[in-house]
Amino acid sequence: MPLNVLLLGPQGAGKGTQAKRISAEYGIPHIASGEILRAEMDAGTELGKRVKETIERGDLVSDDVMIELIRNRLEQPDTDSGFVLDGFPRTTVQAEALDSMFADIGRNFSVAFALQIPDEVAFDRLRRRARADDTDEAIQRRLDNYHRETEPLIEYYRTRGNLVPIHGNRSENEVFAEIQRALEQVPTA
């Protein structure tokens, strides 16, 4: 049975870092929503051209397009033994759309990890990352959006019985060790 992992958590919680480690350790691809968008644009596909126009206008890529991109990615043979999804879904509407697409292609999440860190820790980590778009106001806005739009997903997946909360306010190795312990409990038959 494939190992299909979802990572939830605010910016700065270490989702990308942990996704890469899970990917390397379990030999399953890391599917990051931002990277899918870039790959599609670089490939110059019809969908990639639509995505590029949307982003250049400064708009968000629609849920339908994101679902289509993820579906295309999951149809690649390297996902047969599983995948780690990071950066999508961000809203309950997206989670429901993802569920119905999964039903179509016979997939579901083996486990959803919720990386949890206090806002002030996320804030410090993002500030240290110091990207051009990481002003204090922008960081606060992203955290507010997370609490408003994405945090409800924790409850959404909890009701499905496959949510594992992870305390992200520790070293990368300690967090990964906790993820590994949880993955050992995931039924694989």
N, C-alpha and C. Protein backbone atom coordinates (compact mmCIF):
# COMPACT_ATOMS: atom_id res chain seq x y z
N MET A 1 0.84 -1.19 0.00
CA MET A 1 0.00 0.00 0.00
C MET A 1 0.88 1.24 0.00
N PRO A 2 0.57 2.22 -0.86
CA PRO A 2 1.44 3.40 -0.91
C PRO A 2 1.38 4.22 0.38
N LEU A 3 2.46 4.94 0.63
CA LEU A 3 2.53 5.82 1.79
C LEU A 3 2.28 7.25 1.30
N ASN A 4 1.06 7.74 1.52
CA ASN A 4 0.69 9.08 1.06
C ASN A 4 0.60 10.01 2.27
N VAL A 5 1.51 11.00 2.31
CA VAL A 5 1.66 11.84 3.49
C VAL A 5 1.28 13.29 3.17
N LEU A 6 0.52 13.89 4.07
CA LEU A 6 0.20 15.32 3.96
C LEU A 6 0.87 16.05 5.11
N LEU A 7 1.50 17.20 4.81
CA LEU A 7 2.09 18.03 5.86
C LEU A 7 1.33 19.34 5.96
N LEU A 8 0.80 19.61 7.14
CA LEU A 8 0.12 20.88 7.42
C LEU A 8 0.93 21.64 8.45
N GLY A 9 0.78 22.96 8.46
CA GLY A 9 1.45 23.76 9.47
C GLY A 9 1.70 25.15 8.94
N PRO A 10 1.90 26.11 9.84
CA PRO A 10 2.15 27.49 9.41
C PRO A 10 3.50 27.62 8.72
N GLN A 11 3.68 28.72 7.99
CA GLN A 11 5.00 29.01 7.43
C GLN A 11 5.98 29.06 8.59
N GLY A 12 7.18 28.52 8.36
CA GLY A 12 8.19 28.53 9.42
C GLY A 12 8.14 27.30 10.31
N ALA A 13 7.15 26.41 10.08
CA ALA A 13 7.04 25.22 10.94
C ALA A 13 8.02 24.12 10.52
N GLY A 14 8.61 24.26 9.33
CA GLY A 14 9.58 23.25 8.87
C GLY A 14 8.98 22.21 7.95
N LYS A 15 7.84 22.53 7.31
CA LYS A 15 7.20 21.55 6.42
C LYS A 15 8.12 21.11 5.29
N GLY A 16 8.74 22.09 4.61
CA GLY A 16 9.60 21.76 3.47
C GLY A 16 10.78 20.88 3.89
N THR A 17 11.39 21.24 5.00
CA THR A 17 12.54 20.48 5.52
C THR A 17 12.13 19.05 5.83
N GLN A 18 11.02 18.88 6.55
CA GLN A 18 10.59 17.53 6.94
C GLN A 18 10.11 16.74 5.72
N ALA A 19 9.46 17.43 4.77
CA ALA A 19 9.00 16.74 3.55
C ALA A 19 10.19 16.15 2.80
N LYS A 20 11.28 16.93 2.69
CA LYS A 20 12.47 16.43 1.99
C LYS A 20 13.06 15.22 2.70
N ARG A 21 13.04 15.25 4.04
CA ARG A 21 13.60 14.12 4.79
C ARG A 21 12.72 12.87 4.64
N ILE A 22 11.41 13.05 4.69
CA ILE A 22 10.49 11.90 4.50
C ILE A 22 10.71 11.33 3.10
N SER A 23 10.79 12.22 2.12
CA SER A 23 10.99 11.83 0.73
C SER A 23 12.26 10.98 0.58
N ALA A 24 13.36 11.47 1.17
CA ALA A 24 14.64 10.77 1.05
C ALA A 24 14.61 9.44 1.81
N GLU A 25 14.06 9.45 3.02
CA GLU A 25 14.07 8.26 3.88
C GLU A 25 13.16 7.15 3.35
N TYR A 26 12.01 7.53 2.79
CA TYR A 26 11.02 6.52 2.38
C TYR A 26 10.95 6.34 0.86
N GLY A 27 11.79 7.09 0.14
CA GLY A 27 11.86 6.91 -1.32
C GLY A 27 10.57 7.28 -2.04
N ILE A 28 9.90 8.31 -1.54
CA ILE A 28 8.67 8.78 -2.20
C ILE A 28 8.85 10.26 -2.56
N PRO A 29 8.28 10.70 -3.69
CA PRO A 29 8.54 12.08 -4.12
C PRO A 29 7.89 13.13 -3.21
N HIS A 30 8.60 14.24 -3.07
CA HIS A 30 8.09 15.40 -2.33
C HIS A 30 7.38 16.28 -3.36
N ILE A 31 6.08 16.48 -3.16
CA ILE A 31 5.29 17.29 -4.08
C ILE A 31 4.94 18.59 -3.37
N ALA A 32 5.64 19.66 -3.75
CA ALA A 32 5.37 20.97 -3.16
C ALA A 32 4.58 21.77 -4.18
N SER A 33 3.48 22.38 -3.72
CA SER A 33 2.59 23.06 -4.67
C SER A 33 3.33 24.11 -5.49
N GLY A 34 4.22 24.88 -4.85
CA GLY A 34 4.97 25.91 -5.58
C GLY A 34 5.86 25.32 -6.66
N GLU A 35 6.48 24.17 -6.36
CA GLU A 35 7.37 23.55 -7.34
C GLU A 35 6.61 22.98 -8.53
N ILE A 36 5.40 22.46 -8.27
CA ILE A 36 4.57 21.95 -9.37
C ILE A 36 4.25 23.10 -10.33
N LEU A 37 3.88 24.25 -9.76
CA LEU A 37 3.55 25.41 -10.59
C LEU A 37 4.76 25.80 -11.44
N ARG A 38 5.93 25.89 -10.80
CA ARG A 38 7.14 26.29 -11.54
C ARG A 38 7.48 25.28 -12.63
N ALA A 39 7.38 23.99 -12.31
CA ALA A 39 7.72 22.94 -13.28
C ALA A 39 6.81 23.03 -14.51
N GLU A 40 5.53 23.25 -14.28
CA GLU A 40 4.53 23.35 -15.35
C GLU A 40 4.84 24.57 -16.23
N MET A 41 5.19 25.70 -15.59
CA MET A 41 5.52 26.91 -16.35
C MET A 41 6.80 26.70 -17.16
N ASP A 42 7.81 26.08 -16.52
CA ASP A 42 9.08 25.83 -17.22
C ASP A 42 8.89 24.89 -18.40
N ALA A 43 7.99 23.92 -18.25
CA ALA A 43 7.75 22.96 -19.32
C ALA A 43 6.97 23.60 -20.47
N GLY A 44 6.37 24.77 -20.20
CA GLY A 44 5.63 25.48 -21.24
C GLY A 44 4.39 24.75 -21.72
N THR A 45 3.80 23.93 -20.85
CA THR A 45 2.57 23.22 -21.22
C THR A 45 1.42 24.24 -21.32
N GLU A 46 0.31 23.79 -21.89
CA GLU A 46 -0.88 24.64 -22.00
C GLU A 46 -1.28 25.13 -20.61
N LEU A 47 -1.30 24.20 -19.66
CA LEU A 47 -1.65 24.54 -18.28
C LEU A 47 -0.61 25.50 -17.71
N GLY A 48 0.66 25.24 -18.00
CA GLY A 48 1.76 26.09 -17.53
C GLY A 48 1.62 27.52 -18.02
N LYS A 49 1.18 27.68 -19.27
CA LYS A 49 0.98 29.03 -19.83
C LYS A 49 -0.15 29.75 -19.11
N ARG A 50 -1.23 29.02 -18.82
CA ARG A 50 -2.36 29.63 -18.08
C ARG A 50 -1.92 30.06 -16.69
N VAL A 51 -1.14 29.18 -16.02
CA VAL A 51 -0.65 29.46 -14.68
C VAL A 51 0.24 30.71 -14.69
N LYS A 52 1.13 30.78 -15.68
CA LYS A 52 2.07 31.91 -15.79
C LYS A 52 1.31 33.23 -15.93
N GLU A 53 0.29 33.24 -16.80
CA GLU A 53 -0.51 34.46 -16.99
C GLU A 53 -1.17 34.88 -15.68
N THR A 54 -1.72 33.90 -14.97
CA THR A 54 -2.39 34.18 -13.69
C THR A 54 -1.42 34.80 -12.70
N ILE A 55 -0.26 34.18 -12.56
CA ILE A 55 0.74 34.64 -11.58
C ILE A 55 1.28 36.02 -11.98
N GLU A 56 1.50 36.21 -13.27
CA GLU A 56 2.02 37.51 -13.72
C GLU A 56 1.01 38.64 -13.49
N ARG A 57 -0.28 38.29 -13.50
CA ARG A 57 -1.32 39.28 -13.17
C ARG A 57 -1.36 39.57 -11.67
N GLY A 58 -0.66 38.72 -10.90
CA GLY A 58 -0.65 38.89 -9.45
C GLY A 58 -1.82 38.19 -8.78
N ASP A 59 -2.50 37.31 -9.54
CA ASP A 59 -3.64 36.57 -8.97
C ASP A 59 -3.17 35.22 -8.44
N LEU A 60 -4.03 34.62 -7.61
CA LEU A 60 -3.75 33.27 -7.11
C LEU A 60 -4.25 32.26 -8.13
N VAL A 61 -3.52 31.17 -8.27
CA VAL A 61 -3.94 30.09 -9.16
C VAL A 61 -5.21 29.47 -8.57
N SER A 62 -6.21 29.24 -9.40
CA SER A 62 -7.49 28.74 -8.90
C SER A 62 -7.36 27.33 -8.33
N ASP A 63 -8.28 26.99 -7.43
CA ASP A 63 -8.29 25.65 -6.83
C ASP A 63 -8.38 24.58 -7.91
N ASP A 64 -9.23 24.80 -8.92
CA ASP A 64 -9.41 23.81 -9.98
C ASP A 64 -8.10 23.52 -10.68
N VAL A 65 -7.34 24.58 -10.96
CA VAL A 65 -6.06 24.41 -11.66
C VAL A 65 -5.07 23.68 -10.76
N MET A 66 -5.03 24.06 -9.47
CA MET A 66 -4.12 23.36 -8.54
C MET A 66 -4.45 21.87 -8.46
N ILE A 67 -5.75 21.56 -8.38
CA ILE A 67 -6.17 20.14 -8.31
C ILE A 67 -5.73 19.41 -9.58
N GLU A 68 -5.90 20.08 -10.73
CA GLU A 68 -5.49 19.48 -12.01
C GLU A 68 -3.98 19.23 -12.04
N LEU A 69 -3.21 20.20 -11.55
CA LEU A 69 -1.75 20.05 -11.51
C LEU A 69 -1.34 18.89 -10.60
N ILE A 70 -1.97 18.81 -9.44
CA ILE A 70 -1.63 17.74 -8.49
C ILE A 70 -2.04 16.38 -9.07
N ARG A 71 -3.20 16.36 -9.70
CA ARG A 71 -3.66 15.11 -10.33
C ARG A 71 -2.66 14.66 -11.39
N ASN A 72 -2.22 15.59 -12.24
CA ASN A 72 -1.22 15.25 -13.27
C ASN A 72 0.05 14.70 -12.63
N ARG A 73 0.48 15.35 -11.54
CA ARG A 73 1.71 14.93 -10.86
C ARG A 73 1.55 13.53 -10.27
N LEU A 74 0.36 13.23 -9.71
CA LEU A 74 0.13 11.92 -9.09
C LEU A 74 -0.03 10.82 -10.13
N GLU A 75 -0.21 11.20 -11.38
CA GLU A 75 -0.31 10.18 -12.44
C GLU A 75 1.07 9.75 -12.92
N GLN A 76 2.13 10.42 -12.44
CA GLN A 76 3.50 10.00 -12.80
C GLN A 76 3.84 8.71 -12.03
N PRO A 77 4.54 7.78 -12.69
CA PRO A 77 4.81 6.49 -12.04
C PRO A 77 5.63 6.57 -10.75
N ASP A 78 6.42 7.65 -10.56
CA ASP A 78 7.24 7.71 -9.34
C ASP A 78 6.39 7.88 -8.08
N THR A 79 5.08 8.13 -8.23
CA THR A 79 4.23 8.28 -7.04
C THR A 79 3.52 6.97 -6.68
N ASP A 80 3.80 5.89 -7.42
CA ASP A 80 3.10 4.63 -7.16
C ASP A 80 3.27 4.14 -5.74
N SER A 81 4.47 4.36 -5.16
CA SER A 81 4.69 3.87 -3.79
C SER A 81 4.36 4.94 -2.74
N GLY A 82 3.85 6.10 -3.21
CA GLY A 82 3.43 7.14 -2.28
C GLY A 82 3.99 8.50 -2.64
N PHE A 83 3.69 9.48 -1.79
CA PHE A 83 4.14 10.85 -2.02
C PHE A 83 4.01 11.63 -0.72
N VAL A 84 4.71 12.77 -0.67
CA VAL A 84 4.57 13.72 0.44
C VAL A 84 4.04 15.01 -0.17
N LEU A 85 2.88 15.46 0.26
CA LEU A 85 2.30 16.70 -0.27
C LEU A 85 2.46 17.81 0.76
N ASP A 86 2.93 18.96 0.27
CA ASP A 86 3.26 20.07 1.15
C ASP A 86 2.83 21.37 0.47
N GLY A 87 2.06 22.21 1.18
CA GLY A 87 1.66 23.50 0.62
C GLY A 87 0.26 23.51 0.02
N PHE A 88 -0.41 22.39 0.01
CA PHE A 88 -1.78 22.28 -0.50
C PHE A 88 -2.39 21.06 0.17
N PRO A 89 -3.63 21.07 0.60
CA PRO A 89 -4.61 22.16 0.55
C PRO A 89 -4.33 23.22 1.62
N ARG A 90 -4.84 24.43 1.37
CA ARG A 90 -4.73 25.51 2.35
C ARG A 90 -6.07 25.91 2.93
N THR A 91 -7.15 25.43 2.32
CA THR A 91 -8.50 25.76 2.81
C THR A 91 -9.35 24.49 2.81
N THR A 92 -10.44 24.54 3.55
CA THR A 92 -11.35 23.39 3.60
C THR A 92 -11.93 23.10 2.22
N VAL A 93 -12.24 24.14 1.46
CA VAL A 93 -12.77 23.96 0.10
C VAL A 93 -11.76 23.18 -0.75
N GLN A 94 -10.48 23.53 -0.62
CA GLN A 94 -9.44 22.82 -1.36
C GLN A 94 -9.33 21.37 -0.90
N ALA A 95 -9.45 21.16 0.41
CA ALA A 95 -9.36 19.79 0.96
C ALA A 95 -10.49 18.93 0.41
N GLU A 96 -11.69 19.51 0.33
CA GLU A 96 -12.83 18.76 -0.20
C GLU A 96 -12.63 18.44 -1.68
N ALA A 97 -12.11 19.42 -2.44
CA ALA A 97 -11.84 19.19 -3.87
C ALA A 97 -10.77 18.11 -4.05
N LEU A 98 -9.75 18.14 -3.18
CA LEU A 98 -8.68 17.14 -3.23
C LEU A 98 -9.26 15.75 -2.92
N ASP A 99 -10.13 15.67 -1.91
CA ASP A 99 -10.78 14.40 -1.57
C ASP A 99 -11.54 13.83 -2.76
N SER A 100 -12.28 14.69 -3.46
CA SER A 100 -13.08 14.14 -4.55
C SER A 100 -12.18 13.73 -5.72
N MET A 101 -11.08 14.46 -5.95
CA MET A 101 -10.12 14.04 -6.98
C MET A 101 -9.46 12.72 -6.56
N PHE A 102 -9.10 12.60 -5.28
CA PHE A 102 -8.52 11.34 -4.79
C PHE A 102 -9.48 10.18 -5.02
N ALA A 103 -10.76 10.41 -4.75
CA ALA A 103 -11.76 9.35 -4.94
C ALA A 103 -11.75 8.90 -6.41
N ASP A 104 -11.61 9.85 -7.33
CA ASP A 104 -11.55 9.55 -8.77
C ASP A 104 -10.37 8.66 -9.12
N ILE A 105 -9.21 8.94 -8.51
CA ILE A 105 -7.99 8.21 -8.92
C ILE A 105 -7.59 7.14 -7.90
N GLY A 106 -8.46 6.92 -6.91
CA GLY A 106 -8.20 5.84 -5.95
C GLY A 106 -7.03 6.11 -5.02
N ARG A 107 -6.92 7.35 -4.55
CA ARG A 107 -5.87 7.70 -3.59
C ARG A 107 -6.50 8.22 -2.31
N ASN A 108 -5.75 8.21 -1.23
CA ASN A 108 -6.11 8.95 -0.02
C ASN A 108 -4.86 9.11 0.82
N PHE A 109 -4.95 9.93 1.87
CA PHE A 109 -3.78 10.14 2.70
C PHE A 109 -3.67 9.02 3.72
N SER A 110 -2.47 8.44 3.83
CA SER A 110 -2.21 7.46 4.88
C SER A 110 -2.17 8.18 6.22
N VAL A 111 -1.58 9.39 6.20
CA VAL A 111 -1.41 10.15 7.44
C VAL A 111 -1.29 11.64 7.09
N ALA A 112 -1.87 12.48 7.95
CA ALA A 112 -1.72 13.93 7.83
C ALA A 112 -1.00 14.42 9.08
N PHE A 113 0.17 15.01 8.90
CA PHE A 113 0.93 15.55 10.03
C PHE A 113 0.61 17.04 10.18
N ALA A 114 0.29 17.46 11.39
CA ALA A 114 0.10 18.88 11.67
C ALA A 114 1.30 19.35 12.48
N LEU A 115 2.21 20.08 11.82
CA LEU A 115 3.38 20.62 12.50
C LEU A 115 2.94 21.87 13.24
N GLN A 116 3.03 21.83 14.55
CA GLN A 116 2.50 22.92 15.36
C GLN A 116 3.62 23.67 16.07
N ILE A 117 3.63 24.99 15.89
CA ILE A 117 4.61 25.83 16.58
C ILE A 117 3.91 27.11 17.01
N PRO A 118 4.36 27.70 18.13
CA PRO A 118 3.77 28.97 18.55
C PRO A 118 4.04 30.06 17.50
N ASP A 119 3.12 31.01 17.37
CA ASP A 119 3.28 32.09 16.40
C ASP A 119 4.61 32.82 16.55
N GLU A 120 5.03 33.04 17.81
CA GLU A 120 6.27 33.82 17.96
C GLU A 120 7.48 33.06 17.42
N VAL A 121 7.44 31.73 17.49
CA VAL A 121 8.54 30.92 16.94
C VAL A 121 8.51 31.01 15.41
N ALA A 122 7.32 30.86 14.84
CA ALA A 122 7.17 30.97 13.38
C ALA A 122 7.67 32.34 12.93
N PHE A 123 7.27 33.36 13.67
CA PHE A 123 7.63 34.73 13.35
C PHE A 123 9.16 34.89 13.32
N ASP A 124 9.83 34.38 14.39
CA ASP A 124 11.29 34.48 14.46
C ASP A 124 11.96 33.72 13.32
N ARG A 125 11.47 32.50 13.05
CA ARG A 125 12.08 31.69 11.99
C ARG A 125 11.93 32.39 10.63
N LEU A 126 10.75 32.94 10.38
CA LEU A 126 10.52 33.61 9.09
C LEU A 126 11.35 34.87 8.98
N ARG A 127 11.50 35.56 10.08
CA ARG A 127 12.29 36.79 10.07
C ARG A 127 13.76 36.45 9.79
N ARG A 128 14.23 35.35 10.36
CA ARG A 128 15.63 34.94 10.13
C ARG A 128 15.87 34.50 8.69
N ARG A 129 14.81 33.95 8.08
CA ARG A 129 14.93 33.48 6.70
C ARG A 129 15.19 34.67 5.77
N ALA A 130 14.63 35.82 6.15
CA ALA A 130 14.91 37.12 5.50
C ALA A 130 14.80 37.11 4.00
N ARG A 131 13.64 36.70 3.51
CA ARG A 131 13.40 36.87 2.07
C ARG A 131 12.84 38.28 1.87
N ALA A 132 12.91 38.76 0.64
CA ALA A 132 12.47 40.13 0.37
C ALA A 132 11.02 40.36 0.79
N ASP A 133 10.19 39.31 0.67
CA ASP A 133 8.76 39.48 1.00
C ASP A 133 8.46 39.22 2.47
N ASP A 134 9.51 39.00 3.27
CA ASP A 134 9.30 38.69 4.69
C ASP A 134 9.39 39.93 5.58
N THR A 135 8.57 40.94 5.30
CA THR A 135 8.48 42.07 6.23
C THR A 135 7.66 41.61 7.43
N ASP A 136 7.77 42.30 8.55
CA ASP A 136 7.00 41.93 9.73
C ASP A 136 5.50 41.88 9.42
N GLU A 137 5.03 42.88 8.66
CA GLU A 137 3.59 42.94 8.34
C GLU A 137 3.19 41.74 7.48
N ALA A 138 4.03 41.41 6.49
CA ALA A 138 3.72 40.29 5.59
C ALA A 138 3.72 38.97 6.36
N ILE A 139 4.69 38.83 7.26
CA ILE A 139 4.77 37.59 8.07
C ILE A 139 3.50 37.48 8.93
N GLN A 140 3.12 38.57 9.58
CA GLN A 140 1.93 38.54 10.43
C GLN A 140 0.68 38.22 9.61
N ARG A 141 0.60 38.79 8.41
CA ARG A 141 -0.55 38.54 7.54
C ARG A 141 -0.61 37.06 7.16
N ARG A 142 0.55 36.48 6.83
CA ARG A 142 0.56 35.05 6.46
C ARG A 142 0.15 34.18 7.63
N LEU A 143 0.60 34.53 8.84
CA LEU A 143 0.22 33.74 10.02
C LEU A 143 -1.28 33.90 10.30
N ASP A 144 -1.79 35.12 10.15
CA ASP A 144 -3.24 35.34 10.35
C ASP A 144 -4.04 34.52 9.34
N ASN A 145 -3.60 34.55 8.08
CA ASN A 145 -4.28 33.76 7.05
C ASN A 145 -4.25 32.28 7.39
N TYR A 146 -3.11 31.81 7.88
CA TYR A 146 -2.99 30.41 8.25
C TYR A 146 -4.03 30.06 9.32
N HIS A 147 -4.11 30.88 10.38
CA HIS A 147 -5.06 30.58 11.46
C HIS A 147 -6.50 30.61 10.94
N ARG A 148 -6.78 31.54 10.07
CA ARG A 148 -8.15 31.70 9.59
C ARG A 148 -8.54 30.61 8.59
N GLU A 149 -7.63 30.35 7.63
CA GLU A 149 -8.00 29.50 6.49
C GLU A 149 -7.49 28.06 6.58
N THR A 150 -6.27 27.89 7.09
CA THR A 150 -5.65 26.57 7.01
C THR A 150 -5.80 25.78 8.29
N GLU A 151 -5.77 26.46 9.44
CA GLU A 151 -5.87 25.74 10.71
C GLU A 151 -7.13 24.86 10.80
N PRO A 152 -8.29 25.31 10.25
CA PRO A 152 -9.47 24.42 10.30
C PRO A 152 -9.24 23.05 9.65
N LEU A 153 -8.22 22.93 8.79
CA LEU A 153 -7.94 21.63 8.16
C LEU A 153 -7.47 20.60 9.18
N ILE A 154 -6.90 21.08 10.28
CA ILE A 154 -6.45 20.14 11.31
C ILE A 154 -7.65 19.35 11.81
N GLU A 155 -8.74 20.06 12.07
CA GLU A 155 -9.98 19.40 12.51
C GLU A 155 -10.56 18.53 11.38
N TYR A 156 -10.49 19.04 10.16
CA TYR A 156 -11.01 18.32 8.98
C TYR A 156 -10.36 16.94 8.88
N TYR A 157 -9.03 16.89 9.01
CA TYR A 157 -8.35 15.59 8.91
C TYR A 157 -8.46 14.78 10.20
N ARG A 158 -8.57 15.46 11.34
CA ARG A 158 -8.75 14.74 12.60
C ARG A 158 -10.03 13.89 12.55
N THR A 159 -11.09 14.46 11.99
CA THR A 159 -12.36 13.72 11.92
C THR A 159 -12.25 12.50 10.99
N ARG A 160 -11.25 12.50 10.11
CA ARG A 160 -11.03 11.34 9.23
C ARG A 160 -10.15 10.30 9.92
N GLY A 161 -9.63 10.65 11.09
CA GLY A 161 -8.92 9.66 11.88
C GLY A 161 -7.47 9.43 11.50
N ASN A 162 -6.91 10.31 10.66
CA ASN A 162 -5.51 10.05 10.27
C ASN A 162 -4.60 11.26 10.54
N LEU A 163 -5.00 12.10 11.50
CA LEU A 163 -4.19 13.28 11.82
C LEU A 163 -3.24 12.98 12.98
N VAL A 164 -1.97 13.36 12.80
CA VAL A 164 -0.99 13.21 13.88
C VAL A 164 -0.39 14.59 14.16
N PRO A 165 -0.67 15.17 15.35
CA PRO A 165 -0.04 16.44 15.68
C PRO A 165 1.43 16.22 16.03
N ILE A 166 2.28 17.12 15.56
CA ILE A 166 3.72 17.04 15.80
C ILE A 166 4.17 18.38 16.37
N HIS A 167 4.90 18.33 17.47
CA HIS A 167 5.41 19.57 18.06
C HIS A 167 6.64 20.01 17.27
N GLY A 168 6.47 21.08 16.49
CA GLY A 168 7.53 21.52 15.59
C GLY A 168 8.56 22.43 16.23
N ASN A 169 8.35 22.76 17.51
CA ASN A 169 9.24 23.70 18.18
C ASN A 169 10.42 22.98 18.84
N ARG A 170 11.09 22.14 18.04
CA ARG A 170 12.26 21.41 18.52
C ARG A 170 13.26 21.32 17.38
N SER A 171 14.35 20.63 17.61
CA SER A 171 15.36 20.52 16.54
C SER A 171 14.77 19.70 15.39
N GLU A 172 15.33 19.95 14.22
CA GLU A 172 14.91 19.23 13.00
C GLU A 172 14.95 17.71 13.23
N ASN A 173 16.04 17.23 13.89
CA ASN A 173 16.18 15.78 14.11
C ASN A 173 15.13 15.23 15.06
N GLU A 174 14.81 16.00 16.10
CA GLU A 174 13.79 15.53 17.05
C GLU A 174 12.42 15.47 16.39
N VAL A 175 12.13 16.47 15.57
CA VAL A 175 10.84 16.48 14.87
C VAL A 175 10.77 15.29 13.91
N PHE A 176 11.86 15.05 13.17
CA PHE A 176 11.87 13.94 12.21
C PHE A 176 11.74 12.59 12.92
N ALA A 177 12.37 12.47 14.09
CA ALA A 177 12.28 11.21 14.85
C ALA A 177 10.82 10.95 15.24
N GLU A 178 10.09 12.00 15.63
CA GLU A 178 8.68 11.83 15.99
C GLU A 178 7.85 11.45 14.76
N ILE A 179 8.15 12.06 13.62
CA ILE A 179 7.46 11.72 12.37
C ILE A 179 7.72 10.25 12.02
N GLN A 180 8.98 9.82 12.14
CA GLN A 180 9.30 8.42 11.83
C GLN A 180 8.55 7.44 12.74
N ARG A 181 8.49 7.77 14.04
CA ARG A 181 7.75 6.89 14.97
C ARG A 181 6.30 6.77 14.53
N ALA A 182 5.71 7.89 14.12
CA ALA A 182 4.32 7.87 13.67
C ALA A 182 4.17 7.06 12.38
N LEU A 183 5.13 7.20 11.47
CA LEU A 183 5.04 6.49 10.19
C LEU A 183 5.17 4.98 10.39
N GLU A 184 5.90 4.56 11.44
CA GLU A 184 6.00 3.12 11.72
C GLU A 184 4.64 2.53 12.11
N GLN A 185 3.74 3.40 12.60
CA GLN A 185 2.41 2.91 13.02
C GLN A 185 1.40 2.89 11.86
N VAL A 186 1.79 3.49 10.71
CA VAL A 186 0.85 3.58 9.59
C VAL A 186 0.68 2.20 8.97
N PRO A 187 -0.58 1.74 8.84
CA PRO A 187 -0.80 0.42 8.22
C PRO A 187 -0.33 0.43 6.77
N THR A 188 0.44 -0.57 6.39
CA THR A 188 0.97 -0.60 5.02
C THR A 188 0.38 -1.75 4.20
N ALA A 189 -0.53 -2.49 4.81
CA ALA A 189 -1.11 -3.62 4.06
C ALA A 189 -2.48 -3.25 3.55
